Amino acid sequence: MNVMQLIVLSFSSHLPIKGSDESADTLAQAVPAAEQKADKGCAAACCRCRPLAVLGRLLAGLVVASCLAASWAGMTQLAKAALRDFESPFFMAWHSASWNLLLFPGYCSGRLLTFSERRSPLKHFSECGHFLSEDAFLLRRLLKQTAPFSILWTLTNYLYLMALRNISATDASALFCCNKAFVFLLSWIVLKDRFMGVRIVAVILSIAGIVLIAYADGFCRDSIVGVALVVGSASTSALYKVLFKLLLGSVRCREVALFLTALGAFNLLFLSWVSVVLYTTRVEHWPSTRDVPWDQLCGLAALLLVFNILVNCGAAVTFPALVSLGVFLSIPVNAVTDVYRGVVPGLGNVRLAALIVLCLAFLLLLLPEEWDSIAVELLTKFRGETAKEEPGPESAEGGSLVGPNQSGRSGLLGP
């Protein structure tokens, strides 16, 4: 018995009693009426709150998408500038990946400052580690499970930085958006996700955009190598995402913070030797310490850290499609920056067509799985409203046959 029923019972005790049957009938009619009135009030309150909640998530999504576009475009431009004087892309990728070590300590510090409860970082560490296994948490297992992800992470950044030495920032950011097409293909094959024809069309458009980007520079060697490197970076990024979903599933922000911190620790401890080997074999050249552009390296590492935080935790405050839209918005930002700085004299017809094709493919990949049923429902609703606004000739004739004394009847006049 809920609160509303108790109120009705207490009120009914003061009613005049004409018999037990009449009082029971009165109570039986009063309780459902009160419950129905309460349900209508709750539904009205929910209807008033729901548009505000959706509007809030949309506004938060626009902010997140803008920050994602600014951080990714800024990282790309800083990396392009740093590579002119510091041709060590693997060291730059290793350096930026090591900054992930700051994520979990930052999360624990934020919890201590914003919440009244006081828990030690080790307590948070053990609680967040249970998403890896049901057994007792072990640091060795954490590093073991993050090993393949750390390699894919560093390889993605390394290939992307290598490509920036051959092609412009605009082309690199546009081609990297193809990773969403690769995610769809891998999810369809590995995760057995639903097949969607519109996404196959998007994959075909992505391939066409890749070819057009290479053709825009006349299929020269630098262009082909740069395009191939970005496509490789997008492929490893897609493999990272699909493996994460396959092995770990959906996790919360604090668990992502722990995972990325472990990824940064593995990168710092076990991938440092790769950078040393590349330096000793003269594959990469390190200038003196004072000549290293530390401001640009730290800037791109910080922007990449902000980008990863927003990508992994943005879905908690807004819709996932708006989070994905942030990478797409980095294309016009990079294009405007390249043209303004004179890095690219002009986009040209072929390059502009390639960018439009890649953008269209990316937007098609953002469509939800039930987009066809949603479109049919909206079209049916639109046609229904149009039919109501424009009455047919039969309804008009039927209305004229109703006399003044028979306004409540429909159909023909009686005798």
Protein backbone atom coordinates (compact mmCIF):
# COMPACT_ATOMS: atom_id res chain seq x y z
CA MET A 1 0.00 0.00 0.00
CA ASN A 2 1.57 3.29 -1.11
CA VAL A 3 1.29 6.75 0.41
CA MET A 4 -1.57 7.81 -1.84
CA GLN A 5 -3.68 4.82 -0.71
CA LEU A 6 -3.05 5.69 2.95
CA ILE A 7 -4.21 9.25 2.33
CA VAL A 8 -7.36 7.99 0.63
CA LEU A 9 -8.05 5.56 3.50
CA SER A 10 -7.65 8.26 6.14
CA PHE A 11 -9.94 10.57 4.16
CA SER A 12 -12.58 7.87 3.67
CA SER A 13 -12.79 7.24 7.42
CA HIS A 14 -14.46 10.66 7.80
CA LEU A 15 -17.11 9.98 5.15
CA PRO A 16 -20.69 9.19 6.24
CA ILE A 17 -21.15 5.40 6.27
CA LYS A 18 -24.40 4.13 4.82
CA GLY A 19 -23.39 0.49 4.82
CA SER A 20 -20.38 -1.71 4.41
CA ASP A 21 -21.04 -2.36 0.71
CA GLU A 22 -21.35 1.33 -0.11
CA SER A 23 -18.15 2.25 1.77
CA ALA A 24 -16.22 -0.57 0.06
CA ASP A 25 -17.45 0.61 -3.33
CA THR A 26 -16.52 4.19 -2.52
CA LEU A 27 -13.00 3.14 -1.48
CA ALA A 28 -12.58 0.90 -4.50
CA GLN A 29 -13.44 3.81 -6.78
CA ALA A 30 -11.36 6.38 -4.86
CA VAL A 31 -8.07 4.47 -4.79
CA PRO A 32 -7.75 3.84 -8.58
CA ALA A 33 -8.81 7.43 -9.27
CA ALA A 34 -6.14 8.73 -6.91
CA GLU A 35 -3.50 6.42 -8.39
CA GLN A 36 -4.44 7.48 -11.93
CA LYS A 37 -4.18 11.14 -10.96
CA ALA A 38 -0.77 10.55 -9.37
CA ASP A 39 0.46 8.66 -12.45
CA LYS A 40 -0.68 11.51 -14.69
CA GLY A 41 1.20 13.98 -12.50
CA CYS A 42 4.40 11.91 -12.66
CA ALA A 43 4.07 11.49 -16.43
CA ALA A 44 3.57 15.23 -16.87
CA ALA A 45 6.64 15.94 -14.73
CA CYS A 46 8.71 13.45 -16.75
CA CYS A 47 7.52 15.00 -20.01
CA ARG A 48 8.58 18.42 -18.75
CA CYS A 49 11.99 17.20 -17.56
CA ARG A 50 12.86 14.99 -20.52
CA PRO A 51 13.21 17.78 -23.15
CA LEU A 52 15.38 19.73 -20.73
CA ALA A 53 17.59 16.69 -20.14
CA VAL A 54 17.93 16.05 -23.87
CA LEU A 55 18.72 19.72 -24.48
CA GLY A 56 21.36 19.60 -21.76
CA ARG A 57 23.00 16.54 -23.30
CA LEU A 58 22.94 18.21 -26.72
CA LEU A 59 24.61 21.34 -25.40
CA ALA A 60 27.19 19.23 -23.58
CA GLY A 61 27.75 17.29 -26.81
CA LEU A 62 28.41 20.46 -28.77
CA VAL A 63 30.96 21.56 -26.17
CA VAL A 64 32.64 18.14 -26.16
CA ALA A 65 32.70 17.97 -29.98
CA SER A 66 34.22 21.46 -30.19
CA CYS A 67 36.90 20.58 -27.64
CA LEU A 68 37.64 17.32 -29.47
CA ALA A 69 38.00 19.11 -32.80
CA ALA A 70 40.25 21.79 -31.29
CA SER A 71 42.46 19.29 -29.44
CA TRP A 72 42.89 16.91 -32.41
CA ALA A 73 43.51 19.73 -34.88
CA GLY A 74 45.93 21.46 -32.48
CA MET A 75 47.81 18.22 -31.87
CA THR A 76 48.11 17.62 -35.62
CA GLN A 77 49.36 21.14 -36.30
CA LEU A 78 51.90 21.03 -33.44
CA ALA A 79 53.16 17.63 -34.58
CA LYS A 80 53.54 18.90 -38.14
CA ALA A 81 55.53 21.90 -36.88
CA ALA A 82 57.71 19.83 -34.54
CA LEU A 83 58.63 17.32 -37.25
CA ARG A 84 60.30 20.04 -39.32
CA ASP A 85 63.18 20.38 -36.84
CA PHE A 86 62.86 17.16 -34.82
CA GLU A 87 62.55 14.13 -37.09
CA SER A 88 61.93 11.53 -34.40
CA PRO A 89 58.30 10.42 -34.76
CA PHE A 90 58.66 7.33 -32.57
CA PHE A 91 60.14 9.34 -29.70
CA MET A 92 57.24 11.79 -30.04
CA ALA A 93 54.72 8.93 -29.97
CA TRP A 94 56.45 7.32 -26.98
CA HIS A 95 56.65 10.65 -25.15
CA SER A 96 52.95 11.45 -25.68
CA ALA A 97 51.84 7.93 -24.67
CA SER A 98 53.80 8.20 -21.42
CA TRP A 99 51.61 11.13 -20.38
CA ASN A 100 48.78 8.64 -19.78
CA LEU A 101 50.43 7.98 -16.42
CA LEU A 102 48.75 11.16 -15.17
CA LEU A 103 45.18 9.94 -15.70
CA PHE A 104 44.53 7.71 -12.68
CA PRO A 105 46.38 9.96 -10.17
CA GLY A 106 44.36 12.84 -11.58
CA TYR A 107 41.14 10.86 -11.10
CA CYS A 108 42.03 10.03 -7.48
CA SER A 109 42.91 13.66 -6.79
CA GLY A 110 39.60 14.79 -8.25
CA ARG A 111 37.71 12.32 -6.05
CA LEU A 112 39.48 13.62 -2.96
CA LEU A 113 38.66 17.23 -3.81
CA THR A 114 35.03 16.81 -4.89
CA PHE A 115 33.72 14.06 -2.57
CA SER A 116 33.54 14.01 1.21
CA GLU A 117 34.60 10.36 1.45
CA ARG A 118 38.30 9.77 1.89
CA ARG A 119 39.68 6.67 0.22
CA SER A 120 43.29 5.88 -0.42
CA PRO A 121 44.50 5.61 -4.04
CA LEU A 122 45.30 1.93 -3.40
CA LYS A 123 41.64 1.33 -2.50
CA HIS A 124 40.51 2.94 -5.76
CA PHE A 125 43.21 0.99 -7.57
CA SER A 126 41.96 -2.38 -6.32
CA GLU A 127 38.28 -1.51 -6.93
CA CYS A 128 38.84 -0.36 -10.51
CA GLY A 129 40.98 -3.38 -11.37
CA HIS A 130 38.13 -5.87 -11.04
CA PHE A 131 36.87 -5.13 -14.57
CA LEU A 132 39.80 -7.17 -15.89
CA SER A 133 38.98 -10.37 -14.03
CA GLU A 134 36.72 -11.79 -11.35
CA ASP A 135 39.74 -13.06 -9.43
CA ALA A 136 41.89 -11.08 -7.06
CA PHE A 137 43.53 -8.06 -8.67
CA LEU A 138 47.18 -8.42 -9.64
CA LEU A 139 49.44 -5.74 -11.07
CA ARG A 140 51.13 -8.34 -13.28
CA ARG A 141 47.81 -9.25 -14.91
CA LEU A 142 47.06 -5.59 -15.54
CA LEU A 143 50.36 -5.03 -17.33
CA LYS A 144 49.96 -8.28 -19.27
CA GLN A 145 46.50 -7.38 -20.56
CA THR A 146 47.52 -3.83 -21.47
CA ALA A 147 50.58 -5.00 -23.45
CA PRO A 148 48.85 -5.51 -26.85
CA PHE A 149 46.83 -2.31 -26.42
CA SER A 150 49.94 -0.31 -25.58
CA ILE A 151 51.69 -1.59 -28.71
CA LEU A 152 48.67 -0.73 -30.88
CA TRP A 153 48.36 2.68 -29.22
CA THR A 154 51.99 3.63 -29.85
CA LEU A 155 51.91 2.18 -33.37
CA THR A 156 48.81 4.24 -34.23
CA ASN A 157 50.45 7.48 -33.13
CA TYR A 158 53.77 6.56 -34.75
CA LEU A 159 52.23 5.87 -38.17
CA TYR A 160 50.16 9.04 -37.97
CA LEU A 161 53.25 11.15 -37.17
CA MET A 162 55.22 9.44 -39.93
CA ALA A 163 52.47 10.34 -42.40
CA LEU A 164 52.60 14.00 -41.40
CA ARG A 165 56.11 14.19 -42.85
CA ASN A 166 54.69 13.44 -46.32
CA ILE A 167 51.19 14.91 -46.50
CA SER A 168 49.34 17.90 -45.09
CA ALA A 169 47.50 18.00 -41.78
CA THR A 170 44.18 18.36 -43.62
CA ASP A 171 44.70 15.17 -45.64
CA ALA A 172 45.94 13.26 -42.59
CA SER A 173 42.95 14.20 -40.41
CA ALA A 174 40.50 13.42 -43.23
CA LEU A 175 42.03 10.03 -43.97
CA PHE A 176 42.16 9.12 -40.27
CA CYS A 177 38.37 9.38 -40.17
CA CYS A 178 38.34 6.15 -42.21
CA ASN A 179 39.04 4.26 -38.97
CA LYS A 180 35.29 4.27 -38.34
CA ALA A 181 34.77 2.32 -41.58
CA PHE A 182 37.42 -0.18 -40.50
CA VAL A 183 35.75 -0.49 -37.09
CA PHE A 184 32.50 -1.42 -38.82
CA LEU A 185 34.18 -4.08 -40.96
CA LEU A 186 36.07 -5.61 -38.03
CA SER A 187 32.99 -5.51 -35.79
CA TRP A 188 30.96 -7.23 -38.49
CA ILE A 189 33.58 -9.98 -38.88
CA VAL A 190 34.86 -10.41 -35.31
CA LEU A 191 32.01 -9.23 -33.08
CA LYS A 192 29.22 -10.45 -35.42
CA ASP A 193 27.54 -7.05 -35.39
CA ARG A 194 24.50 -6.37 -37.54
CA PHE A 195 25.14 -5.96 -41.26
CA MET A 196 24.04 -2.59 -42.63
CA GLY A 197 23.97 -1.79 -46.33
CA VAL A 198 24.36 1.94 -45.77
CA ARG A 199 27.63 1.34 -43.94
CA ILE A 200 28.94 -0.78 -46.79
CA VAL A 201 28.22 2.23 -49.01
CA ALA A 202 30.19 4.35 -46.52
CA VAL A 203 33.13 1.93 -46.72
CA ILE A 204 33.12 2.17 -50.52
CA LEU A 205 33.04 5.98 -50.29
CA SER A 206 35.95 5.88 -47.85
CA ILE A 207 38.03 3.83 -50.30
CA ALA A 208 37.11 6.25 -53.09
CA GLY A 209 38.17 9.18 -50.91
CA ILE A 210 41.52 7.54 -50.16
CA VAL A 211 42.21 7.07 -53.88
CA LEU A 212 41.18 10.66 -54.63
CA ILE A 213 43.53 12.04 -51.97
CA ALA A 214 46.42 10.15 -53.55
CA TYR A 215 45.34 11.29 -57.03
CA ALA A 216 45.16 14.95 -55.97
CA ASP A 217 48.97 15.09 -55.86
CA GLY A 218 49.42 13.07 -59.04
CA PHE A 219 50.19 9.73 -57.35
CA CYS A 220 53.65 10.96 -56.41
CA ARG A 221 55.79 8.91 -54.04
CA ASP A 222 55.37 11.14 -50.97
CA SER A 223 51.62 11.25 -51.40
CA ILE A 224 51.25 7.48 -51.77
CA VAL A 225 53.52 6.79 -48.78
CA GLY A 226 51.71 9.35 -46.63
CA VAL A 227 48.28 8.01 -47.55
CA ALA A 228 49.38 4.44 -46.85
CA LEU A 229 50.77 5.42 -43.44
CA VAL A 230 47.56 7.19 -42.39
CA VAL A 231 45.46 4.25 -43.57
CA GLY A 232 47.72 1.97 -41.51
CA SER A 233 47.25 4.26 -38.50
CA ALA A 234 43.47 4.19 -38.95
CA SER A 235 43.57 0.38 -39.23
CA THR A 236 45.54 -0.09 -35.99
CA SER A 237 43.20 2.37 -34.25
CA ALA A 238 40.19 0.33 -35.41
CA LEU A 239 41.85 -2.90 -34.26
CA TYR A 240 42.48 -1.32 -30.84
CA LYS A 241 38.81 -0.35 -30.47
CA VAL A 242 37.45 -3.73 -31.57
CA LEU A 243 39.84 -5.65 -29.30
CA PHE A 244 38.93 -3.41 -26.38
CA LYS A 245 35.24 -4.11 -26.93
CA LEU A 246 35.87 -7.84 -27.41
CA LEU A 247 38.10 -8.39 -24.37
CA LEU A 248 36.97 -5.74 -21.90
CA GLY A 249 33.50 -4.69 -23.03
CA SER A 250 31.97 -1.47 -21.70
CA VAL A 251 33.76 0.09 -18.73
CA ARG A 252 33.31 3.21 -16.63
CA CYS A 253 35.44 6.33 -16.68
CA ARG A 254 37.46 5.43 -13.60
CA GLU A 255 38.29 2.01 -15.06
CA VAL A 256 39.34 3.65 -18.33
CA ALA A 257 41.60 5.98 -16.33
CA LEU A 258 43.27 3.01 -14.64
CA PHE A 259 43.61 1.14 -17.93
CA LEU A 260 45.20 4.08 -19.74
CA THR A 261 47.53 4.69 -16.80
CA ALA A 262 48.67 1.07 -16.99
CA LEU A 263 49.08 1.53 -20.74
CA GLY A 264 51.33 4.52 -20.14
CA ALA A 265 53.33 2.56 -17.55
CA PHE A 266 53.89 -0.31 -19.97
CA ASN A 267 54.91 2.15 -22.67
CA LEU A 268 57.42 3.84 -20.34
CA LEU A 269 58.91 0.62 -18.97
CA PHE A 270 58.97 -1.72 -21.96
CA LEU A 271 58.98 0.40 -25.13
CA SER A 272 61.78 2.78 -24.24
CA TRP A 273 64.35 0.46 -25.77
CA VAL A 274 62.73 0.84 -29.22
CA SER A 275 63.46 4.56 -29.19
CA VAL A 276 67.07 3.89 -28.11
CA VAL A 277 67.53 1.32 -30.90
CA LEU A 278 66.18 3.74 -33.51
CA TYR A 279 68.61 6.39 -32.26
CA THR A 280 71.68 4.12 -32.24
CA THR A 281 70.89 2.80 -35.73
CA ARG A 282 70.58 6.40 -37.06
CA VAL A 283 66.97 5.86 -38.08
CA GLU A 284 65.96 8.78 -35.89
CA HIS A 285 68.13 11.77 -35.02
CA TRP A 286 68.07 13.49 -31.64
CA PRO A 287 69.59 16.95 -31.41
CA SER A 288 71.06 18.32 -28.21
CA THR A 289 68.70 18.66 -25.25
CA ARG A 290 68.36 22.43 -25.57
CA ASP A 291 67.52 22.17 -29.29
CA VAL A 292 64.64 19.75 -28.74
CA PRO A 293 61.30 21.61 -29.18
CA TRP A 294 60.03 20.65 -25.73
CA ASP A 295 57.25 23.24 -25.83
CA GLN A 296 55.77 21.68 -28.98
CA LEU A 297 56.27 18.11 -27.72
CA CYS A 298 54.63 18.84 -24.38
CA GLY A 299 51.86 20.79 -26.11
CA LEU A 300 50.92 17.97 -28.46
CA ALA A 301 51.16 15.42 -25.63
CA ALA A 302 48.82 17.52 -23.46
CA LEU A 303 46.35 18.00 -26.31
CA LEU A 304 46.40 14.28 -27.09
CA LEU A 305 45.76 13.55 -23.40
CA VAL A 306 42.75 15.89 -23.40
CA PHE A 307 41.50 14.28 -26.62
CA ASN A 308 41.69 10.77 -25.11
CA ILE A 309 39.90 11.87 -21.94
CA LEU A 310 37.05 13.40 -23.94
CA VAL A 311 36.77 10.42 -26.29
CA ASN A 312 36.61 7.87 -23.46
CA CYS A 313 34.48 9.83 -20.98
CA GLY A 314 32.43 12.05 -23.27
CA ALA A 315 29.68 9.45 -23.65
CA ALA A 316 28.92 9.85 -19.92
CA VAL A 317 27.60 13.40 -20.48
CA THR A 318 26.32 13.35 -24.07
CA PHE A 319 25.39 11.13 -27.01
CA PRO A 320 28.15 8.95 -28.57
CA ALA A 321 27.40 10.29 -32.06
CA LEU A 322 28.32 13.81 -30.95
CA VAL A 323 31.59 12.51 -29.51
CA SER A 324 32.43 10.93 -32.86
CA LEU A 325 31.51 14.18 -34.56
CA GLY A 326 34.47 15.89 -32.89
CA VAL A 327 37.02 14.06 -35.06
CA PHE A 328 35.00 14.98 -38.15
CA LEU A 329 35.01 18.68 -37.22
CA SER A 330 38.81 18.66 -37.05
CA ILE A 331 38.90 18.40 -40.88
CA PRO A 332 37.58 21.92 -41.60
CA VAL A 333 39.65 23.31 -38.72
CA ASN A 334 42.85 21.86 -40.20
CA ALA A 335 41.84 22.95 -43.71
CA VAL A 336 41.31 26.56 -42.63
CA THR A 337 44.57 26.53 -40.66
CA ASP A 338 46.59 25.11 -43.57
CA VAL A 339 45.19 27.60 -46.06
CA TYR A 340 45.67 30.52 -43.66
CA ARG A 341 49.28 29.60 -42.92
CA GLY A 342 50.05 29.01 -46.59
CA VAL A 343 51.00 25.36 -46.08
CA VAL A 344 48.46 24.39 -48.73
CA PRO A 345 48.06 27.03 -51.48
CA GLY A 346 44.57 25.79 -52.30
CA LEU A 347 42.44 22.72 -51.88
CA GLY A 348 41.81 22.20 -55.59
CA ASN A 349 38.83 20.49 -57.15
CA VAL A 350 40.08 16.91 -56.74
CA ARG A 351 41.16 17.35 -53.11
CA LEU A 352 37.92 19.17 -52.27
CA ALA A 353 35.91 16.33 -53.83
CA ALA A 354 37.95 13.78 -51.86
CA LEU A 355 37.31 15.62 -48.59
CA ILE A 356 33.58 15.82 -49.33
CA VAL A 357 33.44 12.09 -50.12
CA LEU A 358 35.31 11.20 -46.91
CA CYS A 359 33.07 13.48 -44.85
CA LEU A 360 29.95 11.95 -46.39
CA ALA A 361 31.22 8.45 -45.64
CA PHE A 362 31.91 9.43 -42.03
CA LEU A 363 28.44 10.91 -41.58
CA LEU A 364 26.82 7.77 -43.02
CA LEU A 365 28.72 5.69 -40.46
CA LEU A 366 27.19 7.79 -37.68
CA LEU A 367 23.67 6.62 -38.57
CA PRO A 368 22.18 4.34 -35.88
CA GLU A 369 21.37 0.72 -36.60
CA GLU A 370 17.60 1.40 -36.60
CA TRP A 371 17.88 4.45 -38.87
CA ASP A 372 15.62 2.91 -41.53
CA SER A 373 12.72 2.28 -39.12
CA ILE A 374 13.15 5.78 -37.65
CA ALA A 375 13.03 7.29 -41.15
CA VAL A 376 9.89 5.31 -42.06
CA GLU A 377 8.22 6.34 -38.80
CA LEU A 378 9.02 10.01 -39.34
CA LEU A 379 7.80 9.84 -42.95
CA THR A 380 4.55 8.15 -41.88
CA LYS A 381 4.00 10.74 -39.17
CA PHE A 382 4.65 13.56 -41.63
CA ARG A 383 2.19 12.12 -44.14
CA GLY A 384 -0.43 11.69 -41.42
CA GLU A 385 -0.13 15.32 -40.35
CA THR A 386 -0.34 16.43 -43.98
CA ALA A 387 -3.50 14.36 -44.48
CA LYS A 388 -5.09 15.94 -41.39
CA GLU A 389 -4.33 19.46 -42.59
CA GLU A 390 -5.76 18.79 -46.08
CA PRO A 391 -9.22 17.07 -45.77
CA GLY A 392 -10.38 15.07 -48.76
CA PRO A 393 -13.46 15.84 -50.89
CA GLU A 394 -15.46 12.96 -49.37
CA SER A 395 -15.16 14.36 -45.85
CA ALA A 396 -16.21 17.79 -47.12
CA GLU A 397 -19.34 16.37 -48.82
CA GLY A 398 -20.20 14.31 -45.75
CA GLY A 399 -20.02 17.42 -43.60
CA SER A 400 -22.44 19.32 -45.91
CA LEU A 401 -25.05 16.56 -45.62
CA VAL A 402 -25.40 16.98 -41.87
CA GLY A 403 -28.41 19.13 -41.10
CA PRO A 404 -28.76 21.66 -38.27
CA ASN A 405 -30.82 19.28 -36.13
CA GLN A 406 -28.42 16.34 -36.74
CA SER A 407 -25.00 17.89 -36.10
CA GLY A 408 -23.96 15.02 -33.84
CA ARG A 409 -24.60 12.33 -36.45
CA SER A 410 -22.25 11.25 -39.23
CA GLY A 411 -23.33 9.89 -42.58
CA LEU A 412 -26.42 10.48 -44.72
CA LEU A 413 -29.64 12.17 -43.53
CA GLY A 414 -32.33 9.91 -42.12
CA PRO A 415 -36.03 9.94 -43.15
